[in-house]
C-alpha atoms as a PDB file:
ATOM      1  CA  MET A   1      74.858  86.430  97.581  1.00  0.00           C
ATOM      2  CA  LEU A   2      76.678  87.691  94.504  1.00  0.00           C
ATOM      3  CA  ILE A   3      77.739  84.586  92.614  1.00  0.00           C
ATOM      4  CA  ASP A   4      78.771  84.176  88.997  1.00  0.00           C
ATOM      5  CA  THR A   5      78.543  81.246  86.569  1.00  0.00           C
ATOM      6  CA  TYR A   6      82.091  80.147  87.487  1.00  0.00           C
ATOM      7  CA  GLY A   7      81.202  79.729  91.182  1.00  0.00           C
ATOM      8  CA  ARG A   8      83.027  82.844  92.377  1.00  0.00           C
ATOM      9  CA  VAL A   9      81.324  84.741  95.194  1.00  0.00           C
ATOM     10  CA  ALA A  10      81.869  88.492  95.564  1.00  0.00           C
ATOM     11  CA  THR A  11      82.360  89.596  99.156  1.00  0.00           C
ATOM     12  CA  ASP A  12      84.559  92.657  98.484  1.00  0.00           C
ATOM     13  CA  LEU A  13      82.950  95.906  97.221  1.00  0.00           C
ATOM     14  CA  ARG A  14      85.046  98.700  95.723  1.00  0.00           C
ATOM     15  CA  VAL A  15      83.209 102.037  95.789  1.00  0.00           C
ATOM     16  CA  SER A  16      84.464 104.945  93.681  1.00  0.00           C
ATOM     17  CA  LEU A  17      83.393 108.160  95.431  1.00  0.00           C
ATOM     18  CA  THR A  18      84.564 110.569  92.728  1.00  0.00           C
ATOM     19  CA  ASP A  19      86.297 110.560  89.355  1.00  0.00           C
ATOM     20  CA  ARG A  20      88.305 113.668  90.259  1.00  0.00           C
ATOM     21  CA  CYS A  21      91.919 113.622  91.362  1.00  0.00           C
ATOM     22  CA  ASN A  22      94.453 116.224  92.484  1.00  0.00           C
ATOM     23  CA  LEU A  23      97.341 114.423  90.717  1.00  0.00           C
ATOM     24  CA  ARG A  24      97.880 113.791  87.045  1.00  0.00           C
ATOM     25  CA  CYS A  25      99.775 110.491  87.062  1.00  0.00           C
ATOM     26  CA  THR A  26     101.151 109.662  83.651  1.00  0.00           C
ATOM     27  CA  TYR A  27      99.788 106.099  83.719  1.00  0.00           C
ATOM     28  CA  CYS A  28      96.253 107.269  84.518  1.00  0.00           C
ATOM     29  CA  MET A  29      95.323 110.549  82.819  1.00  0.00           C
ATOM     30  CA  PRO A  30      96.615 113.352  80.568  1.00  0.00           C
ATOM     31  CA  GLU A  31      98.248 116.447  82.066  1.00  0.00           C
ATOM     32  CA  GLU A  32      95.211 118.596  81.362  1.00  0.00           C
ATOM     33  CA  GLY A  33      92.933 116.191  83.248  1.00  0.00           C
ATOM     34  CA  LEU A  34      89.685 114.708  82.015  1.00  0.00           C
ATOM     35  CA  GLN A  35      86.107 115.730  81.420  1.00  0.00           C
ATOM     36  CA  TRP A  36      84.807 115.206  84.967  1.00  0.00           C
ATOM     37  CA  LEU A  37      81.367 113.846  85.696  1.00  0.00           C
ATOM     38  CA  ALA A  38      78.694 116.468  86.207  1.00  0.00           C
ATOM     39  CA  LYS A  39      77.505 116.755  89.826  1.00  0.00           C
ATOM     40  CA  PRO A  40      73.945 115.499  89.003  1.00  0.00           C
ATOM     41  CA  ASP A  41      75.478 112.344  87.525  1.00  0.00           C
ATOM     42  CA  LEU A  42      77.311 111.490  90.740  1.00  0.00           C
ATOM     43  CA  LEU A  43      75.664 109.413  93.425  1.00  0.00           C
ATOM     44  CA  THR A  44      74.694 111.417  96.482  1.00  0.00           C
ATOM     45  CA  ASP A  45      75.955 110.459  99.946  1.00  0.00           C
ATOM     46  CA  ASP A  46      72.533 108.962 100.748  1.00  0.00           C
ATOM     47  CA  GLU A  47      72.537 106.933  97.535  1.00  0.00           C
ATOM     48  CA  ILE A  48      76.027 105.596  98.219  1.00  0.00           C
ATOM     49  CA  VAL A  49      75.126 104.545 101.749  1.00  0.00           C
ATOM     50  CA  ARG A  50      71.893 102.940 100.557  1.00  0.00           C
ATOM     51  CA  LEU A  51      73.673 100.876  97.913  1.00  0.00           C
ATOM     52  CA  ILE A  52      76.372  99.793 100.335  1.00  0.00           C
ATOM     53  CA  GLY A  53      73.632  98.890 102.802  1.00  0.00           C
ATOM     54  CA  ILE A  54      71.933  96.679 100.232  1.00  0.00           C
ATOM     55  CA  ALA A  55      75.258  95.053  99.400  1.00  0.00           C
ATOM     56  CA  VAL A  56      76.088  94.359 103.036  1.00  0.00           C
ATOM     57  CA  THR A  57      72.688  93.313 104.378  1.00  0.00           C
ATOM     58  CA  SER A  58      71.300  91.476 101.347  1.00  0.00           C
ATOM     59  CA  LEU A  59      74.168  90.438  99.080  1.00  0.00           C
ATOM     60  CA  GLY A  60      76.876  89.132 101.387  1.00  0.00           C
ATOM     61  CA  ILE A  61      79.441  91.938 101.084  1.00  0.00           C
ATOM     62  CA  GLU A  62      81.922  91.789 103.953  1.00  0.00           C
ATOM     63  CA  GLU A  63      84.551  94.353 102.935  1.00  0.00           C
ATOM     64  CA  VAL A  64      84.115  97.864 101.491  1.00  0.00           C
ATOM     65  CA  ARG A  65      87.013  99.751  99.895  1.00  0.00           C
ATOM     66  CA  PHE A  66      86.521 103.448  99.137  1.00  0.00           C
ATOM     67  CA  THR A  67      88.388 104.606  96.041  1.00  0.00           C
ATOM     68  CA  GLY A  68      88.285 107.351  93.425  1.00  0.00           C
ATOM     69  CA  GLY A  69      89.709 109.187  91.564  1.00  0.00           C
ATOM     70  CA  GLU A  70      90.883 110.526  94.904  1.00  0.00           C
ATOM     71  CA  PRO A  71      88.298 109.695  97.599  1.00  0.00           C
ATOM     72  CA  LEU A  72      89.589 112.332 100.038  1.00  0.00           C
ATOM     73  CA  LEU A  73      88.190 114.928  97.624  1.00  0.00           C
ATOM     74  CA  ARG A  74      84.663 113.739  98.500  1.00  0.00           C
ATOM     75  CA  PRO A  75      83.281 116.334 100.950  1.00  0.00           C
ATOM     76  CA  GLY A  76      81.012 113.828 102.722  1.00  0.00           C
ATOM     77  CA  LEU A  77      83.582 111.064 103.088  1.00  0.00           C
ATOM     78  CA  VAL A  78      83.806 111.016 106.911  1.00  0.00           C
ATOM     79  CA  GLY A  79      79.992 110.927 107.195  1.00  0.00           C
ATOM     80  CA  ILE A  80      79.733 108.107 104.682  1.00  0.00           C
ATOM     81  CA  VAL A  81      82.301 106.058 106.623  1.00  0.00           C
ATOM     82  CA  GLU A  82      80.457 106.696 109.886  1.00  0.00           C
ATOM     83  CA  ARG A  83      77.117 105.602 108.424  1.00  0.00           C
ATOM     84  CA  VAL A  84      78.549 102.467 106.823  1.00  0.00           C
ATOM     85  CA  ALA A  85      80.248 101.579 110.140  1.00  0.00           C
ATOM     86  CA  ALA A  86      76.789 101.571 111.735  1.00  0.00           C
ATOM     87  CA  LEU A  87      75.480  98.841 109.382  1.00  0.00           C
ATOM     88  CA  GLU A  88      74.688  95.379 110.725  1.00  0.00           C
ATOM     89  CA  PRO A  89      76.686  93.344 110.028  1.00  0.00           C
ATOM     90  CA  ARG A  90      79.480  95.907 110.078  1.00  0.00           C
ATOM     91  CA  PRO A  91      81.778  95.533 107.044  1.00  0.00           C
ATOM     92  CA  GLN A  92      85.529  95.960 107.165  1.00  0.00           C
ATOM     93  CA  MET A  93      86.365  99.347 105.614  1.00  0.00           C
ATOM     94  CA  SER A  94      89.494 100.570 103.890  1.00  0.00           C
ATOM     95  CA  LEU A  95      90.487 103.494 101.672  1.00  0.00           C
ATOM     96  CA  THR A  96      92.773 103.731  98.663  1.00  0.00           C
ATOM     97  CA  THR A  97      94.227 107.247  98.412  1.00  0.00           C
ATOM     98  CA  ASN A  98      97.145 109.220  97.026  1.00  0.00           C
ATOM     99  CA  GLY A  99      97.731 110.369 100.595  1.00  0.00           C
ATOM    100  CA  ILE A 100      97.791 114.100  99.967  1.00  0.00           C
ATOM    101  CA  GLY A 101      94.846 114.852 102.260  1.00  0.00           C
ATOM    102  CA  LEU A 102      95.564 112.235 104.933  1.00  0.00           C
ATOM    103  CA  ARG A 103      97.447 114.508 107.275  1.00  0.00           C
ATOM    104  CA  ARG A 104      94.266 116.476 108.026  1.00  0.00           C
ATOM    105  CA  THR A 105      91.736 113.620 107.788  1.00  0.00           C
ATOM    106  CA  ALA A 106      93.345 110.457 109.147  1.00  0.00           C
ATOM    107  CA  ALA A 107      92.238 110.921 112.760  1.00  0.00           C
ATOM    108  CA  ALA A 108      88.648 111.795 111.780  1.00  0.00           C
ATOM    109  CA  LEU A 109      88.420 108.794 109.440  1.00  0.00           C
ATOM    110  CA  LYS A 110      89.648 106.466 112.188  1.00  0.00           C
ATOM    111  CA  ALA A 111      87.131 107.927 114.633  1.00  0.00           C
ATOM    112  CA  ALA A 112      84.355 107.428 112.042  1.00  0.00           C
ATOM    113  CA  GLY A 113      85.185 103.727 111.746  1.00  0.00           C
ATOM    114  CA  LEU A 114      87.695 103.330 108.916  1.00  0.00           C
ATOM    115  CA  ASP A 115      89.947 100.341 109.536  1.00  0.00           C
ATOM    116  CA  ARG A 116      92.973 100.950 107.304  1.00  0.00           C
ATOM    117  CA  VAL A 117      94.385 102.692 104.229  1.00  0.00           C
ATOM    118  CA  ASN A 118      96.284 101.949 101.052  1.00  0.00           C
ATOM    119  CA  VAL A 119      98.431 104.883  99.894  1.00  0.00           C
ATOM    120  CA  SER A 120      99.866 105.216  96.387  1.00  0.00           C
ATOM    121  CA  LEU A 121     103.529 106.217  96.287  1.00  0.00           C
ATOM    122  CA  ASP A 122     105.689 105.257  93.335  1.00  0.00           C
ATOM    123  CA  THR A 123     109.023 106.835  94.231  1.00  0.00           C
ATOM    124  CA  LEU A 124     111.186 108.112  97.066  1.00  0.00           C
ATOM    125  CA  ARG A 125     112.638 110.843  94.875  1.00  0.00           C
ATOM    126  CA  PRO A 126     110.736 114.166  94.866  1.00  0.00           C
ATOM    127  CA  ASP A 127     111.878 115.018  91.322  1.00  0.00           C
ATOM    128  CA  VAL A 128     110.665 111.675  89.937  1.00  0.00           C
ATOM    129  CA  PHE A 129     107.385 112.105  91.858  1.00  0.00           C
ATOM    130  CA  LYS A 130     106.863 115.464  90.162  1.00  0.00           C
ATOM    131  CA  THR A 131     107.562 113.909  86.748  1.00  0.00           C
ATOM    132  CA  LEU A 132     105.215 110.965  87.376  1.00  0.00           C
ATOM    133  CA  THR A 133     102.347 112.912  88.910  1.00  0.00           C
ATOM    134  CA  ARG A 134     102.911 116.347  87.344  1.00  0.00           C
ATOM    135  CA  ARG A 135     102.504 117.829  90.852  1.00  0.00           C
ATOM    136  CA  ASP A 136     105.043 118.809  93.535  1.00  0.00           C
ATOM    137  CA  ARG A 137     103.337 117.046  96.465  1.00  0.00           C
ATOM    138  CA  HIS A 138     105.817 114.354  97.518  1.00  0.00           C
ATOM    139  CA  ARG A 139     106.188 115.707 101.061  1.00  0.00           C
ATOM    140  CA  ASP A 140     102.424 115.798 101.512  1.00  0.00           C
ATOM    141  CA  VAL A 141     102.189 112.075 100.726  1.00  0.00           C
ATOM    142  CA  LEU A 142     104.926 111.208 103.198  1.00  0.00           C
ATOM    143  CA  ASP A 143     103.205 113.304 105.871  1.00  0.00           C
ATOM    144  CA  GLY A 144      99.905 111.585 105.079  1.00  0.00           C
ATOM    145  CA  LEU A 145     101.449 108.175 105.507  1.00  0.00           C
ATOM    146  CA  LEU A 146     102.841 109.151 108.891  1.00  0.00           C
ATOM    147  CA  ALA A 147      99.431 110.532 109.953  1.00  0.00           C
ATOM    148  CA  ALA A 148      97.733 107.283 108.933  1.00  0.00           C
ATOM    149  CA  ARG A 149     100.151 105.232 111.018  1.00  0.00           C
ATOM    150  CA  GLU A 150      99.743 107.522 114.014  1.00  0.00           C
ATOM    151  CA  ALA A 151      95.946 107.291 113.712  1.00  0.00           C
ATOM    152  CA  ASP A 152      96.270 103.460 113.760  1.00  0.00           C
ATOM    153  CA  LEU A 153      94.841 103.009 110.264  1.00  0.00           C
ATOM    154  CA  THR A 154      96.906  99.850 110.067  1.00  0.00           C
ATOM    155  CA  PRO A 155      98.318  97.961 108.398  1.00  0.00           C
ATOM    156  CA  VAL A 156      99.283 100.969 106.286  1.00  0.00           C
ATOM    157  CA  LYS A 157      99.836  99.598 102.783  1.00  0.00           C
ATOM    158  CA  VAL A 158     101.825 101.426 100.107  1.00  0.00           C
ATOM    159  CA  ASN A 159     101.068 100.755  96.452  1.00  0.00           C
ATOM    160  CA  SER A 160     103.804 101.411  93.907  1.00  0.00           C
ATOM    161  CA  VAL A 161     103.814 101.263  90.109  1.00  0.00           C
ATOM    162  CA  LEU A 162     107.205 101.032  88.435  1.00  0.00           C
ATOM    163  CA  MET A 163     107.689 102.686  85.044  1.00  0.00           C
ATOM    164  CA  PRO A 164     110.565 102.109  82.589  1.00  0.00           C
ATOM    165  CA  GLY A 165     113.026 104.978  82.501  1.00  0.00           C
ATOM    166  CA  LEU A 166     111.593 106.699  85.544  1.00  0.00           C
ATOM    167  CA  ASN A 167     111.527 104.620  88.756  1.00  0.00           C
ATOM    168  CA  ALA A 168     112.098 101.051  87.547  1.00  0.00           C
ATOM    169  CA  ASP A 169     115.318 100.883  89.594  1.00  0.00           C
ATOM    170  CA  GLU A 170     113.679 101.833  92.907  1.00  0.00           C
ATOM    171  CA  ALA A 171     112.181  98.540  94.017  1.00  0.00           C
ATOM    172  CA  PRO A 172     114.871  97.661  96.610  1.00  0.00           C
ATOM    173  CA  ASP A 173     114.995 101.230  97.980  1.00  0.00           C
ATOM    174  CA  LEU A 174     111.222 101.364  98.305  1.00  0.00           C
ATOM    175  CA  LEU A 175     111.168  98.073 100.184  1.00  0.00           C
ATOM    176  CA  ALA A 176     113.943  99.108 102.562  1.00  0.00           C
ATOM    177  CA  TRP A 177     112.105 102.374 103.267  1.00  0.00           C
ATOM    178  CA  ALA A 178     108.755 100.617 103.820  1.00  0.00           C
ATOM    179  CA  MET A 179     110.343  98.171 106.272  1.00  0.00           C
ATOM    180  CA  GLU A 180     111.977 101.052 108.148  1.00  0.00           C
ATOM    181  CA  HIS A 181     108.643 102.790 108.598  1.00  0.00           C
ATOM    182  CA  ASP A 182     106.568  99.631 109.183  1.00  0.00           C
ATOM    183  CA  TYR A 183     104.502 100.011 105.995  1.00  0.00           C
ATOM    184  CA  GLU A 184     103.470  97.002 103.888  1.00  0.00           C
ATOM    185  CA  LEU A 185     104.648  97.551 100.338  1.00  0.00           C
ATOM    186  CA  ARG A 186     102.864  96.202  97.282  1.00  0.00           C
ATOM    187  CA  PHE A 187     104.067  96.632  93.717  1.00  0.00           C
ATOM    188  CA  ILE A 188     101.412  96.779  91.004  1.00  0.00           C
ATOM    189  CA  GLU A 189     102.097  96.065  87.359  1.00  0.00           C
ATOM    190  CA  GLN A 190     101.069  98.974  85.171  1.00  0.00           C
ATOM    191  CA  MET A 191      97.654  98.118  83.740  1.00  0.00           C
ATOM    192  CA  PRO A 192      95.961  99.232  80.489  1.00  0.00           C
ATOM    193  CA  LEU A 193      93.630 101.755  82.139  1.00  0.00           C
ATOM    194  CA  ASP A 194      95.161 105.053  81.056  1.00  0.00           C
ATOM    195  CA  ALA A 195      92.928 107.667  79.422  1.00  0.00           C
ATOM    196  CA  GLN A 196      95.460 108.210  76.633  1.00  0.00           C
ATOM    197  CA  HIS A 197      95.478 104.500  75.700  1.00  0.00           C
ATOM    198  CA  GLY A 198      99.237 104.729  75.592  1.00  0.00           C
ATOM    199  CA  TRP A 199      99.881 101.497  77.554  1.00  0.00           C
ATOM    200  CA  LYS A 200     102.063  98.933  75.824  1.00  0.00           C
ATOM    201  CA  ARG A 201     102.837  95.508  77.147  1.00  0.00           C
ATOM    202  CA  GLU A 202     106.293  95.591  75.567  1.00  0.00           C
ATOM    203  CA  GLY A 203     108.766  97.215  77.943  1.00  0.00           C
ATOM    204  CA  MET A 204     106.477  97.274  81.005  1.00  0.00           C
ATOM    205  CA  VAL A 205     108.073  96.425  84.342  1.00  0.00           C
ATOM    206  CA  THR A 206     106.767  92.948  85.118  1.00  0.00           C
ATOM    207  CA  ALA A 207     106.388  91.007  88.355  1.00  0.00           C
ATOM    208  CA  ALA A 208     109.418  88.943  87.340  1.00  0.00           C
ATOM    209  CA  ASP A 209     111.454  92.120  86.867  1.00  0.00           C
ATOM    210  CA  ILE A 210     110.398  93.424  90.248  1.00  0.00           C
ATOM    211  CA  LEU A 211     111.223  90.221  92.087  1.00  0.00           C
ATOM    212  CA  ALA A 212     114.601  89.914  90.373  1.00  0.00           C
ATOM    213  CA  SER A 213     115.446  93.456  91.449  1.00  0.00           C
ATOM    214  CA  LEU A 214     114.347  92.871  95.061  1.00  0.00           C
ATOM    215  CA  ARG A 215     116.398  89.691  95.293  1.00  0.00           C
ATOM    216  CA  THR A 216     119.600  91.650  94.613  1.00  0.00           C
ATOM    217  CA  ARG A 217     119.283  92.929  98.176  1.00  0.00           C
ATOM    218  CA  PHE A 218     116.734  90.770 100.027  1.00  0.00           C
ATOM    219  CA  GLU A 219     115.875  87.126 100.608  1.00  0.00           C
ATOM    220  CA  LEU A 220     112.263  86.501  99.661  1.00  0.00           C
ATOM    221  CA  THR A 221     110.196  83.523 100.793  1.00  0.00           C
ATOM    222  CA  ALA A 222     106.853  82.920  99.098  1.00  0.00           C
ATOM    223  CA  GLU A 223     103.858  82.685 101.437  1.00  0.00           C
ATOM    224  CA  GLY A 224     102.035  80.367  99.051  1.00  0.00           C
ATOM    225  CA  VAL A 225      98.578  79.972  97.555  1.00  0.00           C
ATOM    226  CA  ASP A 226      96.782  79.071 100.809  1.00  0.00           C
ATOM    227  CA  ALA A 227      97.913  82.270 102.537  1.00  0.00           C
ATOM    228  CA  ARG A 228      96.906  84.378  99.545  1.00  0.00           C
ATOM    229  CA  GLY A 229      93.286  83.315  99.296  1.00  0.00           C
ATOM    230  CA  ALA A 230      91.349  85.783  97.078  1.00  0.00           C
ATOM    231  CA  ALA A 231      93.818  88.616  97.643  1.00  0.00           C
ATOM    232  CA  PRO A 232      95.192  90.182  94.450  1.00  0.00           C
ATOM    233  CA  ALA A 233      98.758  90.332  95.776  1.00  0.00           C
ATOM    234  CA  GLU A 234     101.172  87.431  95.873  1.00  0.00           C
ATOM    235  CA  ARG A 235     103.237  87.947  99.017  1.00  0.00           C
ATOM    236  CA  TRP A 236     106.716  87.112 100.210  1.00  0.00           C
ATOM    237  CA  THR A 237     108.315  87.386 103.659  1.00  0.00           C
ATOM    238  CA  VAL A 238     111.470  89.463 103.573  1.00  0.00           C
ATOM    239  CA  ASP A 239     114.707  88.195 105.148  1.00  0.00           C
ATOM    240  CA  GLY A 240     112.782  85.698 107.247  1.00  0.00           C
ATOM    241  CA  GLY A 241     110.136  88.181 108.463  1.00  0.00           C
ATOM    242  CA  PRO A 242     108.252  89.804 110.000  1.00  0.00           C
ATOM    243  CA  HIS A 243     108.069  92.214 107.050  1.00  0.00           C
ATOM    244  CA  ARG A 244     106.308  91.241 103.835  1.00  0.00           C
ATOM    245  CA  VAL A 245     106.157  92.519 100.282  1.00  0.00           C
ATOM    246  CA  GLY A 246     103.463  91.914  97.717  1.00  0.00           C
ATOM    247  CA  VAL A 247     103.207  92.012  93.944  1.00  0.00           C
ATOM    248  CA  ILE A 248      99.924  92.459  92.096  1.00  0.00           C
ATOM    249  CA  ALA A 249     100.623  91.003  88.643  1.00  0.00           C
ATOM    250  CA  SER A 250      97.329  91.734  86.917  1.00  0.00           C
ATOM    251  CA  VAL A 251      98.924  91.545  83.471  1.00  0.00           C
ATOM    252  CA  THR A 252     101.481  88.713  83.612  1.00  0.00           C
ATOM    253  CA  ARG A 253      99.998  86.554  86.404  1.00  0.00           C
ATOM    254  CA  PRO A 254      96.236  87.274  86.379  1.00  0.00           C
ATOM    255  CA  PHE A 255      94.278  86.094  89.411  1.00  0.00           C
ATOM    256  CA  CYS A 256      90.794  86.182  87.885  1.00  0.00           C
ATOM    257  CA  ALA A 257      89.920  82.633  88.968  1.00  0.00           C
ATOM    258  CA  ALA A 258      89.903  83.720  92.629  1.00  0.00           C
ATOM    259  CA  CYS A 259      88.393  87.185  92.175  1.00  0.00           C
ATOM    260  CA  ASP A 260      85.890  88.121  94.882  1.00  0.00           C
ATOM    261  CA  ARG A 261      85.297  91.792  93.934  1.00  0.00           C
ATOM    262  CA  THR A 262      82.409  93.859  92.633  1.00  0.00           C
ATOM    263  CA  ARG A 263      82.728  97.547  91.756  1.00  0.00           C
ATOM    264  CA  LEU A 264      80.446 100.550  92.044  1.00  0.00           C
ATOM    265  CA  THR A 265      81.427 103.618  90.019  1.00  0.00           C
ATOM    266  CA  ALA A 266      80.924 107.198  91.198  1.00  0.00           C
ATOM    267  CA  ASP A 267      77.927 107.534  88.851  1.00  0.00           C
ATOM    268  CA  GLY A 268      76.206 104.428  90.089  1.00  0.00           C
ATOM    269  CA  GLN A 269      77.254 101.724  87.601  1.00  0.00           C
ATOM    270  CA  ILE A 270      78.133  98.168  88.567  1.00  0.00           C
ATOM    271  CA  ARG A 271      81.292  96.848  86.959  1.00  0.00           C
ATOM    272  CA  THR A 272      82.171  93.176  87.353  1.00  0.00           C
ATOM    273  CA  CYS A 273      85.862  93.807  86.535  1.00  0.00           C
ATOM    274  CA  LEU A 274      88.293  96.706  86.138  1.00  0.00           C
ATOM    275  CA  PHE A 275      88.592  95.715  82.494  1.00  0.00           C
ATOM    276  CA  ALA A 276      84.878  95.256  81.829  1.00  0.00           C
ATOM    277  CA  THR A 277      83.421  97.014  78.803  1.00  0.00           C
ATOM    278  CA  GLU A 278      79.831  96.751  80.031  1.00  0.00           C
ATOM    279  CA  GLU A 279      78.100  98.212  83.068  1.00  0.00           C
ATOM    280  CA  THR A 280      74.788  97.854  84.892  1.00  0.00           C
ATOM    281  CA  ASP A 281      73.017 101.075  85.868  1.00  0.00           C
ATOM    282  CA  LEU A 282      71.873 101.137  89.488  1.00  0.00           C
ATOM    283  CA  ARG A 283      71.558 104.923  89.637  1.00  0.00           C
ATOM    284  CA  ALA A 284      68.535 104.885  87.328  1.00  0.00           C
ATOM    285  CA  ALA A 285      66.883 102.283  89.543  1.00  0.00           C
ATOM    286  CA  LEU A 286      67.586 104.334  92.648  1.00  0.00           C
ATOM    287  CA  ARG A 287      66.147 107.475  91.146  1.00  0.00           C
ATOM    288  CA  SER A 288      63.024 105.736  89.853  1.00  0.00           C
ATOM    289  CA  ASP A 289      62.193 104.675  93.419  1.00  0.00           C
ATOM    290  CA  ALA A 290      62.942 100.993  92.872  1.00  0.00           C
ATOM    291  CA  PRO A 291      62.758  99.002  96.135  1.00  0.00           C
ATOM    292  CA  ASP A 292      65.876  97.488  97.644  1.00  0.00           C
ATOM    293  CA  GLU A 293      64.838  94.032  96.443  1.00  0.00           C
ATOM    294  CA  GLU A 294      64.823  95.145  92.808  1.00  0.00           C
ATOM    295  CA  ILE A 295      68.234  96.836  93.126  1.00  0.00           C
ATOM    296  CA  ALA A 296      69.618  93.678  94.719  1.00  0.00           C
ATOM    297  CA  ARG A 297      68.189  91.634  91.833  1.00  0.00           C
ATOM    298  CA  LEU A 298      69.842  93.899  89.213  1.00  0.00           C
ATOM    299  CA  TRP A 299      73.157  93.540  91.075  1.00  0.00           C
ATOM    300  CA  ARG A 300      72.877  89.752  91.168  1.00  0.00           C
ATOM    301  CA  VAL A 301      72.118  89.599  87.444  1.00  0.00           C
ATOM    302  CA  ALA A 302      75.125  91.785  86.699  1.00  0.00           C
ATOM    303  CA  MET A 303      77.462  89.560  88.698  1.00  0.00           C
ATOM    304  CA  TRP A 304      75.999  86.376  87.241  1.00  0.00           C
ATOM    305  CA  GLY A 305      77.252  87.566  83.834  1.00  0.00           C
ATOM    306  CA  LYS A 306      80.837  88.149  84.997  1.00  0.00           C
ATOM    307  CA  LYS A 307      83.395  86.861  82.512  1.00  0.00           C
ATOM    308  CA  ALA A 308      85.973  84.207  83.336  1.00  0.00           C
ATOM    309  CA  GLY A 309      88.885  86.609  83.088  1.00  0.00           C
ATOM    310  CA  ALA A 310      90.063  90.026  82.023  1.00  0.00           C
ATOM    311  CA  GLY A 311      91.433  88.718  78.716  1.00  0.00           C
ATOM    312  CA  LEU A 312      94.670  90.712  78.779  1.00  0.00           C
ATOM    313  CA  ASP A 313      96.460  87.858  77.009  1.00  0.00           C
ATOM    314  CA  ASP A 314      93.870  87.798  74.230  1.00  0.00           C
ATOM    315  CA  PRO A 315      95.101  89.633  71.097  1.00  0.00           C
ATOM    316  CA  SER A 316      91.553  90.946  70.647  1.00  0.00           C
ATOM    317  CA  PHE A 317      91.569  92.624  74.108  1.00  0.00           C
ATOM    318  CA  VAL A 318      89.846  96.016  73.991  1.00  0.00           C
ATOM    319  CA  GLN A 319      90.870  98.536  76.639  1.00  0.00           C
ATOM    320  CA  PRO A 320      87.907  99.925  78.614  1.00  0.00           C
ATOM    321  CA  ASP A 321      86.831 103.401  77.582  1.00  0.00           C
ATOM    322  CA  ARG A 322      86.920 104.613  81.173  1.00  0.00           C
ATOM    323  CA  PRO A 323      90.304 105.390  82.753  1.00  0.00           C
ATOM    324  CA  MET A 324      91.213 104.107  86.190  1.00  0.00           C
ATOM    325  CA  SER A 325      90.279 107.451  87.753  1.00  0.00           C
ATOM    326  CA  ALA A 326      86.664 106.937  86.725  1.00  0.00           C
ATOM    327  CA  ILE A 327      86.420 103.272  87.733  1.00  0.00           C
ATOM    328  CA  GLY A 328      88.182 102.982  91.067  1.00  0.00           C
ATOM    329  CA  GLY A 329      91.308 100.921  91.635  1.00  0.00           C
END
């Protein structure tokens, strides 16, 4: 079991498979990209599967989410999914992706054992997409979403970040589109995880802004705390159902008290929080032939030291030195 001093138990593992990405989203990294991790620093496929196996069989992990960077850039992804699906007990598996490679991989991922996907899409306007991501790949994302739905990687969830002056007015249009295509939409407040450290709380599009915009067109009914559980998104039924919309308000409505996540970076570090400034090195233990029991112990110690919250409201908050692309969302 992965328990911390506040009584929270981690059952959800986020695994970053690569720090690389084929987009250059303005809220994540500079246009020229980043200094990528060297291949020897990355966990191998075998190392990833071994660590997930330890987490599932010895530490109580029930859900595994593959992230990046962009996880579809990982050559061995389908094989990793297939091997994790063979674990006993079998964890639930999902993937967070920008969707660009889903058209060609969705069916294979489903056959390997993946349960569902989250796809990032911030706008319905191709010109705004190009401005936000610095790439002209809007059509590829839409095609990827369709392929995921056809492969039954459901529910297909769409994650959207709204930015002032770019797409802040699109919330109602995005929701109407998601309902039309039977996708579950979730808005995410922009978080201070950009490589440029250009994030500013002032002027950001908040959860309150998003909900006010949605209510100009839709009737929203809160699902409530009991239905939410440890999920990061607060959810509302739309116009009486069956469609729902979620808002992940990491900045203005932090949900740290119910957090059930632990994170493994692409280079084998355990992070107890997206905003953590400290990491625990499991890669070194793996490569020094430590037994599974020792790796499990290191993981438990790391999680025992998890802080009460991210501290975004603390004036002394220090932004992590790794951007989101290197941590995994």
